[in-house]
Amino acid sequence: MGSDKKQKVMTKMILNPKGNSNPFQRFIGCSLNQCAQLYNGRLYPCTFTAYIEYFNKHFSQNLQITPLDFIDIHKPNLTYQEILSFMAKPLPFCRYCDTMKWQHIGERKTSKKDILEYLE
């Protein structure tokens, strides 16, 4: 009989702090754009956009979020179609991701809180 335990694999998700990646190409290659995050009344298509403020603060970086990177869920008359349309397209923030360099790096481990976990 097989084990019910699944190995949890960690992926190194490389960021491009220069912000000069092609947003459309990075969106197409992204697995995070299926991980919507609701944070402070805003809907973000991925975890990076929702929580980049913590990355910026901890590592003294300045990756910018714009009003085009989220939807305010308290917007009057927000429709389901608007949400679907928003979630199906690249964001300005996608320019900071280097999805072509993302790689599985083995078993999931606790972060060392080192910027090299996110940069190359």
PDB file of N, CA and C in Angstrom:
ATOM      1  N   MET A   1       0.838  -1.178   0.000  1.00  0.00           N
ATOM      2  CA  MET A   1       0.000   0.000   0.000  1.00  0.00           C
ATOM      3  C   MET A   1       0.888   1.248   0.000  1.00  0.00           C
ATOM      4  N   GLY A   2       0.559   2.255  -0.804  1.00  0.00           N
ATOM      5  CA  GLY A   2       1.361   3.463  -0.946  1.00  0.00           C
ATOM      6  C   GLY A   2       1.177   4.430   0.203  1.00  0.00           C
ATOM      7  N   SER A   3       2.084   5.340   0.324  1.00  0.00           N
ATOM      8  CA  SER A   3       2.031   6.359   1.363  1.00  0.00           C
ATOM      9  C   SER A   3       1.052   7.459   0.959  1.00  0.00           C
ATOM     10  N   ASP A   4       0.313   7.959   1.938  1.00  0.00           N
ATOM     11  CA  ASP A   4      -0.620   9.057   1.684  1.00  0.00           C
ATOM     12  C   ASP A   4       0.070  10.411   1.738  1.00  0.00           C
ATOM     13  N   LYS A   5       1.335  10.412   2.134  1.00  0.00           N
ATOM     14  CA  LYS A   5       2.071  11.675   2.242  1.00  0.00           C
ATOM     15  C   LYS A   5       2.566  12.103   0.875  1.00  0.00           C
ATOM     16  N   LYS A   6       2.284  13.346   0.528  1.00  0.00           N
ATOM     17  CA  LYS A   6       2.779  13.919  -0.713  1.00  0.00           C
ATOM     18  C   LYS A   6       3.972  14.791  -0.386  1.00  0.00           C
ATOM     19  N   GLN A   7       5.017  14.685  -1.200  1.00  0.00           N
ATOM     20  CA  GLN A   7       6.178  15.537  -0.998  1.00  0.00           C
ATOM     21  C   GLN A   7       5.812  16.946  -1.430  1.00  0.00           C
ATOM     22  N   LYS A   8       6.115  17.894  -0.599  1.00  0.00           N
ATOM     23  CA  LYS A   8       5.846  19.294  -0.916  1.00  0.00           C
ATOM     24  C   LYS A   8       7.105  19.871  -1.547  1.00  0.00           C
ATOM     25  N   VAL A   9       6.975  20.269  -2.795  1.00  0.00           N
ATOM     26  CA  VAL A   9       8.110  20.766  -3.559  1.00  0.00           C
ATOM     27  C   VAL A   9       8.096  22.285  -3.552  1.00  0.00           C
ATOM     28  N   MET A  10       9.272  22.857  -3.418  1.00  0.00           N
ATOM     29  CA  MET A  10       9.412  24.311  -3.395  1.00  0.00           C
ATOM     30  C   MET A  10       9.825  24.803  -4.774  1.00  0.00           C
ATOM     31  N   THR A  11       9.256  25.919  -5.181  1.00  0.00           N
ATOM     32  CA  THR A  11       9.613  26.547  -6.444  1.00  0.00           C
ATOM     33  C   THR A  11      10.284  27.877  -6.150  1.00  0.00           C
ATOM     34  N   LYS A  12      11.438  28.087  -6.775  1.00  0.00           N
ATOM     35  CA  LYS A  12      12.112  29.381  -6.649  1.00  0.00           C
ATOM     36  C   LYS A  12      11.507  30.285  -7.702  1.00  0.00           C
ATOM     37  N   MET A  13      10.820  31.314  -7.252  1.00  0.00           N
ATOM     38  CA  MET A  13      10.138  32.252  -8.132  1.00  0.00           C
ATOM     39  C   MET A  13      10.980  33.509  -8.246  1.00  0.00           C
ATOM     40  N   ILE A  14      11.686  33.619  -9.336  1.00  0.00           N
ATOM     41  CA  ILE A  14      12.640  34.701  -9.546  1.00  0.00           C
ATOM     42  C   ILE A  14      11.913  36.005  -9.879  1.00  0.00           C
ATOM     43  N   LEU A  15      12.297  37.066  -9.203  1.00  0.00           N
ATOM     44  CA  LEU A  15      11.785  38.398  -9.497  1.00  0.00           C
ATOM     45  C   LEU A  15      12.830  39.189 -10.279  1.00  0.00           C
ATOM     46  N   ASN A  16      12.355  40.129 -11.053  1.00  0.00           N
ATOM     47  CA  ASN A  16      13.210  41.018 -11.832  1.00  0.00           C
ATOM     48  C   ASN A  16      13.005  42.436 -11.296  1.00  0.00           C
ATOM     49  N   PRO A  17      13.825  42.871 -10.334  1.00  0.00           N
ATOM     50  CA  PRO A  17      13.596  44.182  -9.719  1.00  0.00           C
ATOM     51  C   PRO A  17      13.728  45.367 -10.670  1.00  0.00           C
ATOM     52  N   LYS A  18      14.331  45.164 -11.838  1.00  0.00           N
ATOM     53  CA  LYS A  18      14.411  46.246 -12.826  1.00  0.00           C
ATOM     54  C   LYS A  18      13.049  46.504 -13.455  1.00  0.00           C
ATOM     55  N   GLY A  19      12.181  45.503 -13.435  1.00  0.00           N
ATOM     56  CA  GLY A  19      10.837  45.663 -13.986  1.00  0.00           C
ATOM     57  C   GLY A  19      10.799  45.780 -15.487  1.00  0.00           C
ATOM     58  N   ASN A  20      11.744  45.135 -16.175  1.00  0.00           N
ATOM     59  CA  ASN A  20      11.774  45.249 -17.633  1.00  0.00           C
ATOM     60  C   ASN A  20      11.407  43.950 -18.349  1.00  0.00           C
ATOM     61  N   SER A  21      10.713  43.047 -17.656  1.00  0.00           N
ATOM     62  CA  SER A  21      10.207  41.835 -18.304  1.00  0.00           C
ATOM     63  C   SER A  21       8.960  42.178 -19.107  1.00  0.00           C
ATOM     64  N   ASN A  22       8.674  41.383 -20.119  1.00  0.00           N
ATOM     65  CA  ASN A  22       7.463  41.555 -20.918  1.00  0.00           C
ATOM     66  C   ASN A  22       6.269  41.024 -20.116  1.00  0.00           C
ATOM     67  N   PRO A  23       5.347  41.892 -19.697  1.00  0.00           N
ATOM     68  CA  PRO A  23       4.231  41.451 -18.853  1.00  0.00           C
ATOM     69  C   PRO A  23       3.392  40.342 -19.475  1.00  0.00           C
ATOM     70  N   PHE A  24       3.117  40.424 -20.775  1.00  0.00           N
ATOM     71  CA  PHE A  24       2.286  39.399 -21.408  1.00  0.00           C
ATOM     72  C   PHE A  24       2.978  38.041 -21.374  1.00  0.00           C
ATOM     73  N   GLN A  25       4.247  37.989 -21.751  1.00  0.00           N
ATOM     74  CA  GLN A  25       4.985  36.722 -21.743  1.00  0.00           C
ATOM     75  C   GLN A  25       5.074  36.154 -20.328  1.00  0.00           C
ATOM     76  N   ARG A  26       5.285  37.001 -19.350  1.00  0.00           N
ATOM     77  CA  ARG A  26       5.407  36.519 -17.972  1.00  0.00           C
ATOM     78  C   ARG A  26       4.065  36.026 -17.439  1.00  0.00           C
ATOM     79  N   PHE A  27       2.987  36.673 -17.828  1.00  0.00           N
ATOM     80  CA  PHE A  27       1.651  36.249 -17.415  1.00  0.00           C
ATOM     81  C   PHE A  27       1.330  34.867 -17.975  1.00  0.00           C
ATOM     82  N   ILE A  28       1.648  34.652 -19.246  1.00  0.00           N
ATOM     83  CA  ILE A  28       1.361  33.363 -19.894  1.00  0.00           C
ATOM     84  C   ILE A  28       2.115  32.235 -19.202  1.00  0.00           C
ATOM     85  N   GLY A  29       3.354  32.480 -18.776  1.00  0.00           N
ATOM     86  CA  GLY A  29       4.165  31.452 -18.135  1.00  0.00           C
ATOM     87  C   GLY A  29       3.992  31.347 -16.634  1.00  0.00           C
ATOM     88  N   CYS A  30       3.034  32.055 -16.080  1.00  0.00           N
ATOM     89  CA  CYS A  30       2.891  32.139 -14.626  1.00  0.00           C
ATOM     90  C   CYS A  30       1.904  31.114 -14.082  1.00  0.00           C
ATOM     91  N   SER A  31       2.300  30.480 -13.002  1.00  0.00           N
ATOM     92  CA  SER A  31       1.377  29.568 -12.320  1.00  0.00           C
ATOM     93  C   SER A  31       0.660  30.267 -11.165  1.00  0.00           C
ATOM     94  N   LEU A  32       1.112  31.460 -10.800  1.00  0.00           N
ATOM     95  CA  LEU A  32       0.492  32.182  -9.688  1.00  0.00           C
ATOM     96  C   LEU A  32      -0.761  32.936 -10.091  1.00  0.00           C
ATOM     97  N   ASN A  33      -0.961  33.161 -11.391  1.00  0.00           N
ATOM     98  CA  ASN A  33      -2.142  33.925 -11.791  1.00  0.00           C
ATOM     99  C   ASN A  33      -3.428  33.124 -11.595  1.00  0.00           C
ATOM    100  N   GLN A  34      -3.305  31.957 -11.000  1.00  0.00           N
ATOM    101  CA  GLN A  34      -4.471  31.154 -10.637  1.00  0.00           C
ATOM    102  C   GLN A  34      -4.665  31.145  -9.124  1.00  0.00           C
ATOM    103  N   CYS A  35      -3.936  31.994  -8.429  1.00  0.00           N
ATOM    104  CA  CYS A  35      -3.939  32.030  -6.963  1.00  0.00           C
ATOM    105  C   CYS A  35      -4.426  33.383  -6.466  1.00  0.00           C
ATOM    106  N   ALA A  36      -5.664  33.703  -6.744  1.00  0.00           N
ATOM    107  CA  ALA A  36      -6.209  35.002  -6.360  1.00  0.00           C
ATOM    108  C   ALA A  36      -6.097  35.210  -4.852  1.00  0.00           C
ATOM    109  N   GLN A  37      -5.794  36.443  -4.481  1.00  0.00           N
ATOM    110  CA  GLN A  37      -5.655  36.817  -3.078  1.00  0.00           C
ATOM    111  C   GLN A  37      -6.584  37.980  -2.776  1.00  0.00           C
ATOM    112  N   LEU A  38      -7.320  37.864  -1.708  1.00  0.00           N
ATOM    113  CA  LEU A  38      -8.142  38.972  -1.226  1.00  0.00           C
ATOM    114  C   LEU A  38      -7.434  39.549  -0.014  1.00  0.00           C
ATOM    115  N   TYR A  39      -7.039  40.810  -0.105  1.00  0.00           N
ATOM    116  CA  TYR A  39      -6.254  41.434   0.955  1.00  0.00           C
ATOM    117  C   TYR A  39      -6.665  42.895   1.073  1.00  0.00           C
ATOM    118  N   ASN A  40      -7.091  43.285   2.248  1.00  0.00           N
ATOM    119  CA  ASN A  40      -7.500  44.669   2.537  1.00  0.00           C
ATOM    120  C   ASN A  40      -8.537  45.203   1.545  1.00  0.00           C
ATOM    121  N   GLY A  41      -9.516  44.383   1.214  1.00  0.00           N
ATOM    122  CA  GLY A  41     -10.591  44.825   0.337  1.00  0.00           C
ATOM    123  C   GLY A  41     -10.220  44.887  -1.138  1.00  0.00           C
ATOM    124  N   ARG A  42      -9.048  44.348  -1.462  1.00  0.00           N
ATOM    125  CA  ARG A  42      -8.595  44.350  -2.852  1.00  0.00           C
ATOM    126  C   ARG A  42      -8.385  42.906  -3.314  1.00  0.00           C
ATOM    127  N   LEU A  43      -8.782  42.652  -4.553  1.00  0.00           N
ATOM    128  CA  LEU A  43      -8.573  41.344  -5.154  1.00  0.00           C
ATOM    129  C   LEU A  43      -7.353  41.422  -6.060  1.00  0.00           C
ATOM    130  N   TYR A  44      -6.375  40.578  -5.775  1.00  0.00           N
ATOM    131  CA  TYR A  44      -5.139  40.503  -6.550  1.00  0.00           C
ATOM    132  C   TYR A  44      -5.081  39.148  -7.241  1.00  0.00           C
ATOM    133  N   PRO A  45      -4.587  39.084  -8.471  1.00  0.00           N
ATOM    134  CA  PRO A  45      -4.513  37.803  -9.162  1.00  0.00           C
ATOM    135  C   PRO A  45      -3.420  36.873  -8.641  1.00  0.00           C
ATOM    136  N   CYS A  46      -2.460  37.401  -7.873  1.00  0.00           N
ATOM    137  CA  CYS A  46      -1.394  36.533  -7.374  1.00  0.00           C
ATOM    138  C   CYS A  46      -0.885  37.028  -6.026  1.00  0.00           C
ATOM    139  N   THR A  47      -0.157  36.170  -5.351  1.00  0.00           N
ATOM    140  CA  THR A  47       0.347  36.499  -4.020  1.00  0.00           C
ATOM    141  C   THR A  47       1.415  37.589  -4.059  1.00  0.00           C
ATOM    142  N   PHE A  48       2.252  37.611  -5.093  1.00  0.00           N
ATOM    143  CA  PHE A  48       3.296  38.633  -5.160  1.00  0.00           C
ATOM    144  C   PHE A  48       2.694  40.034  -5.104  1.00  0.00           C
ATOM    145  N   THR A  49       1.685  40.275  -5.900  1.00  0.00           N
ATOM    146  CA  THR A  49       1.100  41.619  -5.935  1.00  0.00           C
ATOM    147  C   THR A  49       0.445  41.979  -4.611  1.00  0.00           C
ATOM    148  N   ALA A  50      -0.204  41.009  -3.981  1.00  0.00           N
ATOM    149  CA  ALA A  50      -0.901  41.290  -2.724  1.00  0.00           C
ATOM    150  C   ALA A  50       0.053  41.626  -1.583  1.00  0.00           C
ATOM    151  N   TYR A  51       1.194  40.970  -1.547  1.00  0.00           N
ATOM    152  CA  TYR A  51       2.070  41.086  -0.381  1.00  0.00           C
ATOM    153  C   TYR A  51       3.448  41.669  -0.681  1.00  0.00           C
ATOM    154  N   ILE A  52       3.611  42.298  -1.842  1.00  0.00           N
ATOM    155  CA  ILE A  52       4.927  42.826  -2.211  1.00  0.00           C
ATOM    156  C   ILE A  52       5.405  43.908  -1.239  1.00  0.00           C
ATOM    157  N   GLU A  53       4.489  44.560  -0.553  1.00  0.00           N
ATOM    158  CA  GLU A  53       4.893  45.588   0.411  1.00  0.00           C
ATOM    159  C   GLU A  53       5.825  45.014   1.477  1.00  0.00           C
ATOM    160  N   TYR A  54       5.617  43.753   1.877  1.00  0.00           N
ATOM    161  CA  TYR A  54       6.468  43.129   2.891  1.00  0.00           C
ATOM    162  C   TYR A  54       7.851  42.805   2.326  1.00  0.00           C
ATOM    163  N   PHE A  55       7.881  42.333   1.090  1.00  0.00           N
ATOM    164  CA  PHE A  55       9.154  42.091   0.399  1.00  0.00           C
ATOM    165  C   PHE A  55       9.936  43.397   0.295  1.00  0.00           C
ATOM    166  N   ASN A  56       9.255  44.446  -0.190  1.00  0.00           N
ATOM    167  CA  ASN A  56       9.900  45.756  -0.347  1.00  0.00           C
ATOM    168  C   ASN A  56      10.475  46.261   0.979  1.00  0.00           C
ATOM    169  N   LYS A  57       9.705  46.149   2.028  1.00  0.00           N
ATOM    170  CA  LYS A  57      10.153  46.645   3.328  1.00  0.00           C
ATOM    171  C   LYS A  57      11.325  45.826   3.858  1.00  0.00           C
ATOM    172  N   HIS A  58      11.215  44.510   3.796  1.00  0.00           N
ATOM    173  CA  HIS A  58      12.260  43.647   4.366  1.00  0.00           C
ATOM    174  C   HIS A  58      13.579  43.761   3.606  1.00  0.00           C
ATOM    175  N   PHE A  59      13.488  43.877   2.274  1.00  0.00           N
ATOM    176  CA  PHE A  59      14.698  43.877   1.452  1.00  0.00           C
ATOM    177  C   PHE A  59      15.048  45.257   0.885  1.00  0.00           C
ATOM    178  N   SER A  60      14.414  46.298   1.375  1.00  0.00           N
ATOM    179  CA  SER A  60      14.663  47.670   0.909  1.00  0.00           C
ATOM    180  C   SER A  60      14.569  47.769  -0.616  1.00  0.00           C
ATOM    181  N   GLN A  61      13.490  47.236  -1.153  1.00  0.00           N
ATOM    182  CA  GLN A  61      13.236  47.268  -2.590  1.00  0.00           C
ATOM    183  C   GLN A  61      12.088  48.232  -2.873  1.00  0.00           C
ATOM    184  N   ASN A  62      11.806  48.454  -4.152  1.00  0.00           N
ATOM    185  CA  ASN A  62      10.761  49.396  -4.536  1.00  0.00           C
ATOM    186  C   ASN A  62       9.979  48.871  -5.734  1.00  0.00           C
ATOM    187  N   LEU A  63       9.483  47.641  -5.657  1.00  0.00           N
ATOM    188  CA  LEU A  63       8.647  47.092  -6.725  1.00  0.00           C
ATOM    189  C   LEU A  63       7.259  47.693  -6.547  1.00  0.00           C
ATOM    190  N   GLN A  64       6.796  48.385  -7.572  1.00  0.00           N
ATOM    191  CA  GLN A  64       5.594  49.216  -7.470  1.00  0.00           C
ATOM    192  C   GLN A  64       4.309  48.483  -7.837  1.00  0.00           C
ATOM    193  N   ILE A  65       3.289  48.728  -7.038  1.00  0.00           N
ATOM    194  CA  ILE A  65       1.921  48.292  -7.330  1.00  0.00           C
ATOM    195  C   ILE A  65       1.171  49.525  -7.825  1.00  0.00           C
ATOM    196  N   THR A  66       0.375  49.347  -8.873  1.00  0.00           N
ATOM    197  CA  THR A  66      -0.454  50.443  -9.385  1.00  0.00           C
ATOM    198  C   THR A  66      -1.928  50.085  -9.194  1.00  0.00           C
ATOM    199  N   PRO A  67      -2.830  51.034  -9.347  1.00  0.00           N
ATOM    200  CA  PRO A  67      -4.259  50.715  -9.260  1.00  0.00           C
ATOM    201  C   PRO A  67      -4.722  49.706 -10.320  1.00  0.00           C
ATOM    202  N   LEU A  68      -3.913  49.469 -11.344  1.00  0.00           N
ATOM    203  CA  LEU A  68      -4.264  48.482 -12.361  1.00  0.00           C
ATOM    204  C   LEU A  68      -3.868  47.066 -11.958  1.00  0.00           C
ATOM    205  N   ASP A  69      -3.222  46.905 -10.792  1.00  0.00           N
ATOM    206  CA  ASP A  69      -2.760  45.597 -10.325  1.00  0.00           C
ATOM    207  C   ASP A  69      -3.751  44.907  -9.391  1.00  0.00           C
ATOM    208  N   PHE A  70      -4.878  45.526  -9.126  1.00  0.00           N
ATOM    209  CA  PHE A  70      -5.879  44.949  -8.230  1.00  0.00           C
ATOM    210  C   PHE A  70      -7.250  45.512  -8.562  1.00  0.00           C
ATOM    211  N   ILE A  71      -8.267  44.887  -7.996  1.00  0.00           N
ATOM    212  CA  ILE A  71      -9.645  45.392  -8.077  1.00  0.00           C
ATOM    213  C   ILE A  71     -10.124  45.644  -6.655  1.00  0.00           C
ATOM    214  N   ASP A  72     -10.688  46.798  -6.438  1.00  0.00           N
ATOM    215  CA  ASP A  72     -11.300  47.127  -5.153  1.00  0.00           C
ATOM    216  C   ASP A  72     -12.660  46.436  -5.115  1.00  0.00           C
ATOM    217  N   ILE A  73     -12.830  45.481  -4.215  1.00  0.00           N
ATOM    218  CA  ILE A  73     -14.091  44.725  -4.190  1.00  0.00           C
ATOM    219  C   ILE A  73     -15.255  45.553  -3.673  1.00  0.00           C
ATOM    220  N   HIS A  74     -14.965  46.728  -3.136  1.00  0.00           N
ATOM    221  CA  HIS A  74     -16.027  47.610  -2.653  1.00  0.00           C
ATOM    222  C   HIS A  74     -16.460  48.623  -3.712  1.00  0.00           C
ATOM    223  N   LYS A  75     -15.908  48.489  -4.901  1.00  0.00           N
ATOM    224  CA  LYS A  75     -16.276  49.386  -6.003  1.00  0.00           C
ATOM    225  C   LYS A  75     -17.783  49.245  -6.286  1.00  0.00           C
ATOM    226  N   PRO A  76     -18.491  50.363  -6.347  1.00  0.00           N
ATOM    227  CA  PRO A  76     -19.933  50.285  -6.626  1.00  0.00           C
ATOM    228  C   PRO A  76     -20.198  49.609  -7.975  1.00  0.00           C
ATOM    229  N   ASN A  77     -21.175  48.759  -7.997  1.00  0.00           N
ATOM    230  CA  ASN A  77     -21.637  48.084  -9.213  1.00  0.00           C
ATOM    231  C   ASN A  77     -20.579  47.193  -9.869  1.00  0.00           C
ATOM    232  N   LEU A  78     -19.626  46.698  -9.092  1.00  0.00           N
ATOM    233  CA  LEU A  78     -18.628  45.764  -9.613  1.00  0.00           C
ATOM    234  C   LEU A  78     -19.346  44.509 -10.086  1.00  0.00           C
ATOM    235  N   THR A  79     -19.038  44.094 -11.303  1.00  0.00           N
ATOM    236  CA  THR A  79     -19.716  42.929 -11.861  1.00  0.00           C
ATOM    237  C   THR A  79     -18.792  41.717 -11.905  1.00  0.00           C
ATOM    238  N   TYR A  80     -19.408  40.569 -11.972  1.00  0.00           N
ATOM    239  CA  TYR A  80     -18.678  39.315 -12.111  1.00  0.00           C
ATOM    240  C   TYR A  80     -17.841  39.340 -13.389  1.00  0.00           C
ATOM    241  N   GLN A  81     -18.387  39.887 -14.451  1.00  0.00           N
ATOM    242  CA  GLN A  81     -17.668  39.979 -15.730  1.00  0.00           C
ATOM    243  C   GLN A  81     -16.414  40.846 -15.608  1.00  0.00           C
ATOM    244  N   GLU A  82     -16.502  41.937 -14.860  1.00  0.00           N
ATOM    245  CA  GLU A  82     -15.323  42.789 -14.643  1.00  0.00           C
ATOM    246  C   GLU A  82     -14.220  42.022 -13.912  1.00  0.00           C
ATOM    247  N   ILE A  83     -14.618  41.249 -12.919  1.00  0.00           N
ATOM    248  CA  ILE A  83     -13.642  40.457 -12.165  1.00  0.00           C
ATOM    249  C   ILE A  83     -12.996  39.414 -13.071  1.00  0.00           C
ATOM    250  N   LEU A  84     -13.806  38.698 -13.845  1.00  0.00           N
ATOM    251  CA  LEU A  84     -13.256  37.685 -14.752  1.00  0.00           C
ATOM    252  C   LEU A  84     -12.315  38.294 -15.782  1.00  0.00           C
ATOM    253  N   SER A  85     -12.697  39.413 -16.330  1.00  0.00           N
ATOM    254  CA  SER A  85     -11.861  40.089 -17.317  1.00  0.00           C
ATOM    255  C   SER A  85     -10.540  40.526 -16.689  1.00  0.00           C
ATOM    256  N   PHE A  86     -10.593  41.079 -15.494  1.00  0.00           N
ATOM    257  CA  PHE A  86      -9.392  41.506 -14.786  1.00  0.00           C
ATOM    258  C   PHE A  86      -8.449  40.335 -14.524  1.00  0.00           C
ATOM    259  N   MET A  87      -9.000  39.213 -14.083  1.00  0.00           N
ATOM    260  CA  MET A  87      -8.177  38.054 -13.715  1.00  0.00           C
ATOM    261  C   MET A  87      -7.555  37.367 -14.936  1.00  0.00           C
ATOM    262  N   ALA A  88      -8.063  37.645 -16.127  1.00  0.00           N
ATOM    263  CA  ALA A  88      -7.622  36.940 -17.333  1.00  0.00           C
ATOM    264  C   ALA A  88      -6.575  37.690 -18.142  1.00  0.00           C
ATOM    265  N   LYS A  89      -6.002  38.744 -17.589  1.00  0.00           N
ATOM    266  CA  LYS A  89      -5.030  39.513 -18.378  1.00  0.00           C
ATOM    267  C   LYS A  89      -3.809  39.880 -17.523  1.00  0.00           C
ATOM    268  N   PRO A  90      -2.698  40.146 -18.189  1.00  0.00           N
ATOM    269  CA  PRO A  90      -1.494  40.529 -17.440  1.00  0.00           C
ATOM    270  C   PRO A  90      -1.660  41.869 -16.740  1.00  0.00           C
ATOM    271  N   LEU A  91      -0.919  42.024 -15.679  1.00  0.00           N
ATOM    272  CA  LEU A  91      -0.919  43.254 -14.894  1.00  0.00           C
ATOM    273  C   LEU A  91       0.361  44.029 -15.155  1.00  0.00           C
ATOM    274  N   PRO A  92       0.369  45.309 -14.850  1.00  0.00           N
ATOM    275  CA  PRO A  92       1.641  46.035 -14.914  1.00  0.00           C
ATOM    276  C   PRO A  92       2.713  45.373 -14.028  1.00  0.00           C
ATOM    277  N   PHE A  93       2.305  44.810 -12.879  1.00  0.00           N
ATOM    278  CA  PHE A  93       3.271  44.194 -11.974  1.00  0.00           C
ATOM    279  C   PHE A  93       3.966  42.971 -12.592  1.00  0.00           C
ATOM    280  N   CYS A  94       3.360  42.350 -13.566  1.00  0.00           N
ATOM    281  CA  CYS A  94       3.970  41.167 -14.208  1.00  0.00           C
ATOM    282  C   CYS A  94       5.364  41.473 -14.754  1.00  0.00           C
ATOM    283  N   ARG A  95       5.659  42.728 -14.977  1.00  0.00           N
ATOM    284  CA  ARG A  95       6.981  43.113 -15.492  1.00  0.00           C
ATOM    285  C   ARG A  95       8.097  42.787 -14.507  1.00  0.00           C
ATOM    286  N   TYR A  96       7.759  42.575 -13.241  1.00  0.00           N
ATOM    287  CA  TYR A  96       8.759  42.253 -12.226  1.00  0.00           C
ATOM    288  C   TYR A  96       9.035  40.750 -12.095  1.00  0.00           C
ATOM    289  N   CYS A  97       8.278  39.932 -12.764  1.00  0.00           N
ATOM    290  CA  CYS A  97       8.471  38.488 -12.639  1.00  0.00           C
ATOM    291  C   CYS A  97       9.313  37.955 -13.785  1.00  0.00           C
ATOM    292  N   ASP A  98      10.136  36.982 -13.477  1.00  0.00           N
ATOM    293  CA  ASP A  98      10.952  36.329 -14.489  1.00  0.00           C
ATOM    294  C   ASP A  98      10.576  34.855 -14.513  1.00  0.00           C
ATOM    295  N   THR A  99       9.350  34.593 -14.937  1.00  0.00           N
ATOM    296  CA  THR A  99       8.796  33.240 -14.892  1.00  0.00           C
ATOM    297  C   THR A  99       9.606  32.229 -15.698  1.00  0.00           C
ATOM    298  N   MET A 100      10.353  32.696 -16.688  1.00  0.00           N
ATOM    299  CA  MET A 100      11.166  31.789 -17.496  1.00  0.00           C
ATOM    300  C   MET A 100      12.281  31.147 -16.658  1.00  0.00           C
ATOM    301  N   LYS A 101      12.628  31.760 -15.545  1.00  0.00           N
ATOM    302  CA  LYS A 101      13.706  31.243 -14.700  1.00  0.00           C
ATOM    303  C   LYS A 101      13.189  30.539 -13.442  1.00  0.00           C
ATOM    304  N   TRP A 102      11.867  30.452 -13.279  1.00  0.00           N
ATOM    305  CA  TRP A 102      11.326  29.767 -12.111  1.00  0.00           C
ATOM    306  C   TRP A 102      11.721  28.300 -12.180  1.00  0.00           C
ATOM    307  N   GLN A 103      12.040  27.711 -11.032  1.00  0.00           N
ATOM    308  CA  GLN A 103      12.487  26.322 -11.035  1.00  0.00           C
ATOM    309  C   GLN A 103      12.142  25.632  -9.718  1.00  0.00           C
ATOM    310  N   HIS A 104      11.880  24.333  -9.814  1.00  0.00           N
ATOM    311  CA  HIS A 104      11.679  23.530  -8.611  1.00  0.00           C
ATOM    312  C   HIS A 104      13.044  23.338  -7.970  1.00  0.00           C
ATOM    313  N   ILE A 105      13.123  23.552  -6.672  1.00  0.00           N
ATOM    314  CA  ILE A 105      14.424  23.459  -6.002  1.00  0.00           C
ATOM    315  C   ILE A 105      14.428  22.434  -4.875  1.00  0.00           C
ATOM    316  N   GLY A 106      13.498  21.510  -4.900  1.00  0.00           N
ATOM    317  CA  GLY A 106      13.498  20.434  -3.917  1.00  0.00           C
ATOM    318  C   GLY A 106      12.409  20.573  -2.880  1.00  0.00           C
ATOM    319  N   GLU A 107      12.608  19.860  -1.794  1.00  0.00           N
ATOM    320  CA  GLU A 107      11.633  19.803  -0.722  1.00  0.00           C
ATOM    321  C   GLU A 107      11.411  21.175  -0.095  1.00  0.00           C
ATOM    322  N   ARG A 108      10.180  21.455   0.243  1.00  0.00           N
ATOM    323  CA  ARG A 108       9.818  22.736   0.844  1.00  0.00           C
ATOM    324  C   ARG A 108      10.537  22.915   2.179  1.00  0.00           C
ATOM    325  N   LYS A 109      11.099  24.107   2.372  1.00  0.00           N
ATOM    326  CA  LYS A 109      11.833  24.425   3.599  1.00  0.00           C
ATOM    327  C   LYS A 109      11.415  25.799   4.092  1.00  0.00           C
ATOM    328  N   THR A 110      11.741  26.088   5.309  1.00  0.00           N
ATOM    329  CA  THR A 110      11.481  27.405   5.878  1.00  0.00           C
ATOM    330  C   THR A 110      12.397  28.423   5.211  1.00  0.00           C
ATOM    331  N   SER A 111      11.861  29.576   4.907  1.00  0.00           N
ATOM    332  CA  SER A 111      12.645  30.641   4.289  1.00  0.00           C
ATOM    333  C   SER A 111      13.775  31.088   5.214  1.00  0.00           C
ATOM    334  N   LYS A 112      14.904  31.422   4.609  1.00  0.00           N
ATOM    335  CA  LYS A 112      16.021  31.998   5.355  1.00  0.00           C
ATOM    336  C   LYS A 112      15.929  33.525   5.375  1.00  0.00           C
ATOM    337  N   LYS A 113      14.893  34.045   4.713  1.00  0.00           N
ATOM    338  CA  LYS A 113      14.665  35.491   4.599  1.00  0.00           C
ATOM    339  C   LYS A 113      15.858  36.197   3.970  1.00  0.00           C
ATOM    340  N   ASP A 114      16.365  35.570   2.922  1.00  0.00           N
ATOM    341  CA  ASP A 114      17.512  36.075   2.158  1.00  0.00           C
ATOM    342  C   ASP A 114      16.976  36.490   0.784  1.00  0.00           C
ATOM    343  N   ILE A 115      17.330  37.669   0.305  1.00  0.00           N
ATOM    344  CA  ILE A 115      16.833  38.155  -0.974  1.00  0.00           C
ATOM    345  C   ILE A 115      17.214  37.226  -2.121  1.00  0.00           C
ATOM    346  N   LEU A 116      18.277  36.445  -1.956  1.00  0.00           N
ATOM    347  CA  LEU A 116      18.676  35.516  -3.024  1.00  0.00           C
ATOM    348  C   LEU A 116      17.664  34.391  -3.228  1.00  0.00           C
ATOM    349  N   GLU A 117      16.711  34.261  -2.328  1.00  0.00           N
ATOM    350  CA  GLU A 117      15.630  33.302  -2.543  1.00  0.00           C
ATOM    351  C   GLU A 117      14.690  33.775  -3.642  1.00  0.00           C
ATOM    352  N   TYR A 118      14.774  35.062  -4.001  1.00  0.00           N
ATOM    353  CA  TYR A 118      13.872  35.655  -4.973  1.00  0.00           C
ATOM    354  C   TYR A 118      14.576  36.236  -6.192  1.00  0.00           C
ATOM    355  N   LEU A 119      15.875  36.379  -6.113  1.00  0.00           N
ATOM    356  CA  LEU A 119      16.649  36.954  -7.201  1.00  0.00           C
ATOM    357  C   LEU A 119      17.677  35.948  -7.686  1.00  0.00           C
ATOM    358  N   GLU A 120      18.203  36.228  -8.846  1.00  0.00           N
ATOM    359  CA  GLU A 120      19.230  35.339  -9.383  1.00  0.00           C
ATOM    360  C   GLU A 120      20.592  35.949  -9.232  1.00  0.00           C
TER     361      GLU A 120
END
